[in-house]
Amino acid sequence: MQIDILGEGENLERLKKNVKKALEKLPYIDYKLSIIKNSATIDSYGIPRTPALVINGRVVYFGYVLNIKELKTLLHVEYYKSLKQKTDC
């Protein structure tokens, strides 16, 4: 699962920390984590505010820092969606 965190500054760091902590609680998820700070790349996603979380190329939320519990739920759901997509092919 490709996970991209978009943004800069304190909110980016807080979100990155929370994502890593949530992923520690979900050891079954195989992931690659990328941090994107380039404003042109961020603009290409069409989001009005950062930080943002992009999973497998799809913006799943933006605008504030999710807590660990919220991220854990979101990552779990997105993981199973990605598995379902693989089996539907």
C-alpha atoms as a PDB file:
ATOM      1  CA  MET A   1       0.000   0.000   0.000  1.00  0.00           C
ATOM      2  CA  GLN A   2       1.443   3.377  -1.005  1.00  0.00           C
ATOM      3  CA  ILE A   3       0.891   6.079   1.608  1.00  0.00           C
ATOM      4  CA  ASP A   4       1.779   9.681   0.816  1.00  0.00           C
ATOM      5  CA  ILE A   5       1.646  12.509   3.330  1.00  0.00           C
ATOM      6  CA  LEU A   6       1.438  15.948   1.744  1.00  0.00           C
ATOM      7  CA  GLY A   7       2.256  19.243   3.396  1.00  0.00           C
ATOM      8  CA  GLU A   8       4.917  21.016   5.386  1.00  0.00           C
ATOM      9  CA  GLY A   9       5.685  22.311   8.837  1.00  0.00           C
ATOM     10  CA  GLU A  10       4.338  21.249  12.199  1.00  0.00           C
ATOM     11  CA  ASN A  11       1.112  19.667  10.926  1.00  0.00           C
ATOM     12  CA  LEU A  12       3.047  17.493   8.479  1.00  0.00           C
ATOM     13  CA  GLU A  13       5.296  16.271  11.282  1.00  0.00           C
ATOM     14  CA  ARG A  14       2.349  15.583  13.598  1.00  0.00           C
ATOM     15  CA  LEU A  15       0.510  13.641  10.890  1.00  0.00           C
ATOM     16  CA  LYS A  16       3.639  11.663   9.983  1.00  0.00           C
ATOM     17  CA  LYS A  17       4.141  10.733  13.639  1.00  0.00           C
ATOM     18  CA  ASN A  18       0.488   9.659  14.011  1.00  0.00           C
ATOM     19  CA  VAL A  19       0.546   7.637  10.776  1.00  0.00           C
ATOM     20  CA  LYS A  20       3.658   5.767  11.893  1.00  0.00           C
ATOM     21  CA  LYS A  21       2.132   5.030  15.313  1.00  0.00           C
ATOM     22  CA  ALA A  22      -1.113   3.805  13.698  1.00  0.00           C
ATOM     23  CA  LEU A  23       0.827   1.573  11.299  1.00  0.00           C
ATOM     24  CA  GLU A  24       2.736   0.045  14.235  1.00  0.00           C
ATOM     25  CA  LYS A  25      -0.651  -1.179  15.495  1.00  0.00           C
ATOM     26  CA  LEU A  26      -1.471  -2.687  12.067  1.00  0.00           C
ATOM     27  CA  PRO A  27       1.475  -5.043  11.441  1.00  0.00           C
ATOM     28  CA  TYR A  28      -0.335  -6.878   8.636  1.00  0.00           C
ATOM     29  CA  ILE A  29      -0.192  -3.834   6.366  1.00  0.00           C
ATOM     30  CA  ASP A  30       2.721  -3.849   3.938  1.00  0.00           C
ATOM     31  CA  TYR A  31       3.303  -0.205   3.029  1.00  0.00           C
ATOM     32  CA  LYS A  32       5.637   2.350   1.544  1.00  0.00           C
ATOM     33  CA  LEU A  33       5.497   5.789   3.155  1.00  0.00           C
ATOM     34  CA  SER A  34       6.455   8.953   1.269  1.00  0.00           C
ATOM     35  CA  ILE A  35       6.523  12.562   2.399  1.00  0.00           C
ATOM     36  CA  ILE A  36       5.677  15.129  -0.272  1.00  0.00           C
ATOM     37  CA  LYS A  37       6.573  18.760   0.405  1.00  0.00           C
ATOM     38  CA  ASN A  38       6.852  20.009  -3.186  1.00  0.00           C
ATOM     39  CA  SER A  39       4.098  22.592  -3.714  1.00  0.00           C
ATOM     40  CA  ALA A  40       3.676  21.800  -7.430  1.00  0.00           C
ATOM     41  CA  THR A  41       3.132  18.126  -6.637  1.00  0.00           C
ATOM     42  CA  ILE A  42       0.724  18.975  -3.826  1.00  0.00           C
ATOM     43  CA  ASP A  43      -1.178  21.351  -6.132  1.00  0.00           C
ATOM     44  CA  SER A  44      -1.560  18.546  -8.695  1.00  0.00           C
ATOM     45  CA  TYR A  45      -3.833  16.731  -6.217  1.00  0.00           C
ATOM     46  CA  GLY A  46      -6.252  19.675  -6.161  1.00  0.00           C
ATOM     47  CA  ILE A  47      -6.505  19.884  -2.394  1.00  0.00           C
ATOM     48  CA  PRO A  48      -7.247  23.293  -0.855  1.00  0.00           C
ATOM     49  CA  ARG A  49      -5.391  22.690   2.439  1.00  0.00           C
ATOM     50  CA  THR A  50      -2.720  20.486   3.920  1.00  0.00           C
ATOM     51  CA  PRO A  51      -1.827  18.240   5.547  1.00  0.00           C
ATOM     52  CA  ALA A  52      -3.293  15.555   3.337  1.00  0.00           C
ATOM     53  CA  LEU A  53      -3.167  11.792   3.222  1.00  0.00           C
ATOM     54  CA  VAL A  54      -3.073   9.974  -0.107  1.00  0.00           C
ATOM     55  CA  ILE A  55      -3.404   6.189  -0.256  1.00  0.00           C
ATOM     56  CA  ASN A  56      -2.694   4.337  -3.473  1.00  0.00           C
ATOM     57  CA  GLY A  57      -2.974   7.587  -5.423  1.00  0.00           C
ATOM     58  CA  ARG A  58      -6.317   8.668  -3.950  1.00  0.00           C
ATOM     59  CA  VAL A  59      -6.755  11.585  -1.538  1.00  0.00           C
ATOM     60  CA  VAL A  60      -8.507  10.101   1.492  1.00  0.00           C
ATOM     61  CA  TYR A  61      -8.576  13.247   3.632  1.00  0.00           C
ATOM     62  CA  PHE A  62      -7.054  16.684   3.982  1.00  0.00           C
ATOM     63  CA  GLY A  63      -7.092  19.796   6.120  1.00  0.00           C
ATOM     64  CA  TYR A  64      -6.299  18.617   9.636  1.00  0.00           C
ATOM     65  CA  VAL A  65      -4.248  16.113  11.606  1.00  0.00           C
ATOM     66  CA  LEU A  66      -6.112  12.884  12.301  1.00  0.00           C
ATOM     67  CA  ASN A  67      -5.466  11.215  15.638  1.00  0.00           C
ATOM     68  CA  ILE A  68      -4.011   7.704  15.893  1.00  0.00           C
ATOM     69  CA  LYS A  69      -7.376   6.023  16.439  1.00  0.00           C
ATOM     70  CA  GLU A  70      -8.880   7.721  13.364  1.00  0.00           C
ATOM     71  CA  LEU A  71      -5.842   6.826  11.278  1.00  0.00           C
ATOM     72  CA  LYS A  72      -5.875   3.232  12.431  1.00  0.00           C
ATOM     73  CA  THR A  73      -9.489   2.856  11.302  1.00  0.00           C
ATOM     74  CA  LEU A  74      -8.870   4.659   8.010  1.00  0.00           C
ATOM     75  CA  LEU A  75      -5.739   2.636   7.200  1.00  0.00           C
ATOM     76  CA  HIS A  76      -7.477  -0.634   8.071  1.00  0.00           C
ATOM     77  CA  VAL A  77     -10.418   0.165   5.765  1.00  0.00           C
ATOM     78  CA  GLU A  78      -8.155   1.317   2.920  1.00  0.00           C
ATOM     79  CA  TYR A  79      -6.032  -1.808   3.273  1.00  0.00           C
ATOM     80  CA  TYR A  80      -9.037  -4.091   2.868  1.00  0.00           C
ATOM     81  CA  LYS A  81     -10.329  -1.999  -0.043  1.00  0.00           C
ATOM     82  CA  SER A  82      -6.989  -2.508  -1.791  1.00  0.00           C
ATOM     83  CA  LEU A  83      -7.172  -6.267  -1.173  1.00  0.00           C
ATOM     84  CA  LYS A  84     -10.688  -6.393  -2.600  1.00  0.00           C
ATOM     85  CA  GLN A  85      -9.581  -4.497  -5.696  1.00  0.00           C
ATOM     86  CA  LYS A  86      -6.777  -7.005  -6.249  1.00  0.00           C
ATOM     87  CA  THR A  87      -9.177  -9.968  -6.051  1.00  0.00           C
ATOM     88  CA  ASP A  88     -11.786  -8.311  -8.302  1.00  0.00           C
ATOM     89  CA  CYS A  89      -9.323  -8.088 -11.197  1.00  0.00           C
END
